[in-house]
Amino acid sequence: MCPLFDAINTLGLQSLNDSIVVDKIVGKAAAILISYFQAKEVYCIVLSHGAKTFLEKQGMKHFSE
């Protein structure tokens, strides 16, 4: 079960475009999905190094503690 994947299937890409994603932990796989639906920003407590690097290359705003 992957809530981000479920959201893409249920709501569709266009509905998620420019959304703000809030989660406890964002890893690289989640970052790829978030980039796929072109979220506006990502907020999390823990952001993996791979996710941070990927989001930066995509030019996506991200914030973590």
C-alpha atoms as a PDB file:
ATOM      1  CA  MET A   1       0.000   0.000   0.000  1.00  0.00           C
ATOM      2  CA  CYS A   2       1.313   3.378  -1.016  1.00  0.00           C
ATOM      3  CA  PRO A   3      -0.869   6.403  -0.241  1.00  0.00           C
ATOM      4  CA  LEU A   4       0.787   8.529  -2.930  1.00  0.00           C
ATOM      5  CA  PHE A   5       0.212   5.864  -5.573  1.00  0.00           C
ATOM      6  CA  ASP A   6      -3.380   5.441  -4.377  1.00  0.00           C
ATOM      7  CA  ALA A   7      -3.927   9.205  -4.611  1.00  0.00           C
ATOM      8  CA  ILE A   8      -2.637   9.234  -8.193  1.00  0.00           C
ATOM      9  CA  ASN A   9      -4.960   6.366  -9.151  1.00  0.00           C
ATOM     10  CA  THR A  10      -7.984   7.740  -7.308  1.00  0.00           C
ATOM     11  CA  LEU A  11      -7.738  11.477  -7.922  1.00  0.00           C
ATOM     12  CA  GLY A  12      -5.711  11.588 -11.130  1.00  0.00           C
ATOM     13  CA  LEU A  13      -2.593  13.521 -12.005  1.00  0.00           C
ATOM     14  CA  GLN A  14      -4.341  16.755 -12.896  1.00  0.00           C
ATOM     15  CA  SER A  15      -6.073  16.941  -9.504  1.00  0.00           C
ATOM     16  CA  LEU A  16      -2.750  16.593  -7.703  1.00  0.00           C
ATOM     17  CA  ASN A  17      -0.856  19.081  -9.868  1.00  0.00           C
ATOM     18  CA  ASP A  18       0.396  22.049  -7.780  1.00  0.00           C
ATOM     19  CA  SER A  19      -0.598  20.312  -4.533  1.00  0.00           C
ATOM     20  CA  ILE A  20       1.316  20.559  -1.278  1.00  0.00           C
ATOM     21  CA  VAL A  21       2.533  17.234   0.114  1.00  0.00           C
ATOM     22  CA  VAL A  22       2.927  16.804   3.879  1.00  0.00           C
ATOM     23  CA  ASP A  23       4.335  13.570   5.315  1.00  0.00           C
ATOM     24  CA  LYS A  24       6.545  12.346   8.155  1.00  0.00           C
ATOM     25  CA  ILE A  25       9.154  10.673   5.958  1.00  0.00           C
ATOM     26  CA  VAL A  26       9.911  11.231   2.268  1.00  0.00           C
ATOM     27  CA  GLY A  27      12.330   8.879   0.551  1.00  0.00           C
ATOM     28  CA  LYS A  28      13.491   8.867  -3.042  1.00  0.00           C
ATOM     29  CA  ALA A  29      10.614   6.665  -4.281  1.00  0.00           C
ATOM     30  CA  ALA A  30       8.075   9.068  -2.758  1.00  0.00           C
ATOM     31  CA  ALA A  31       9.971  12.022  -4.241  1.00  0.00           C
ATOM     32  CA  ILE A  32       9.731  10.456  -7.700  1.00  0.00           C
ATOM     33  CA  LEU A  33       5.962  10.017  -7.333  1.00  0.00           C
ATOM     34  CA  ILE A  34       5.599  13.566  -6.006  1.00  0.00           C
ATOM     35  CA  SER A  35       7.536  14.861  -8.984  1.00  0.00           C
ATOM     36  CA  TYR A  36       5.392  12.751 -11.321  1.00  0.00           C
ATOM     37  CA  PHE A  37       2.254  14.666 -10.365  1.00  0.00           C
ATOM     38  CA  GLN A  38       4.188  17.932 -10.106  1.00  0.00           C
ATOM     39  CA  ALA A  39       3.422  18.950  -6.548  1.00  0.00           C
ATOM     40  CA  LYS A  40       4.193  22.533  -5.636  1.00  0.00           C
ATOM     41  CA  GLU A  41       5.949  21.900  -2.304  1.00  0.00           C
ATOM     42  CA  VAL A  42       6.962  19.058   0.006  1.00  0.00           C
ATOM     43  CA  TYR A  43       6.979  19.331   3.805  1.00  0.00           C
ATOM     44  CA  CYS A  44       8.293  16.501   5.982  1.00  0.00           C
ATOM     45  CA  ILE A  45      10.133  15.705   9.177  1.00  0.00           C
ATOM     46  CA  VAL A  46      12.677  13.338   7.580  1.00  0.00           C
ATOM     47  CA  LEU A  47      13.903  13.758   4.003  1.00  0.00           C
ATOM     48  CA  SER A  48      16.372  11.179   2.703  1.00  0.00           C
ATOM     49  CA  HIS A  49      19.528  12.334   0.962  1.00  0.00           C
ATOM     50  CA  GLY A  50      18.376  10.675  -2.275  1.00  0.00           C
ATOM     51  CA  ALA A  51      14.990  12.414  -2.097  1.00  0.00           C
ATOM     52  CA  LYS A  52      16.591  15.782  -1.371  1.00  0.00           C
ATOM     53  CA  THR A  53      18.977  15.458  -4.304  1.00  0.00           C
ATOM     54  CA  PHE A  54      16.172  14.348  -6.627  1.00  0.00           C
ATOM     55  CA  LEU A  55      13.783  17.146  -5.596  1.00  0.00           C
ATOM     56  CA  GLU A  56      16.539  19.738  -5.986  1.00  0.00           C
ATOM     57  CA  LYS A  57      17.292  18.505  -9.517  1.00  0.00           C
ATOM     58  CA  GLN A  58      13.580  18.796 -10.305  1.00  0.00           C
ATOM     59  CA  GLY A  59      13.508  22.341  -8.916  1.00  0.00           C
ATOM     60  CA  MET A  60      10.832  21.437  -6.355  1.00  0.00           C
ATOM     61  CA  LYS A  61      10.558  23.321  -3.065  1.00  0.00           C
ATOM     62  CA  HIS A  62      11.063  21.072  -0.061  1.00  0.00           C
ATOM     63  CA  PHE A  63      11.235  21.685   3.662  1.00  0.00           C
ATOM     64  CA  SER A  64      12.312  19.292   6.415  1.00  0.00           C
ATOM     65  CA  GLU A  65      13.383  19.516  10.050  1.00  0.00           C
END
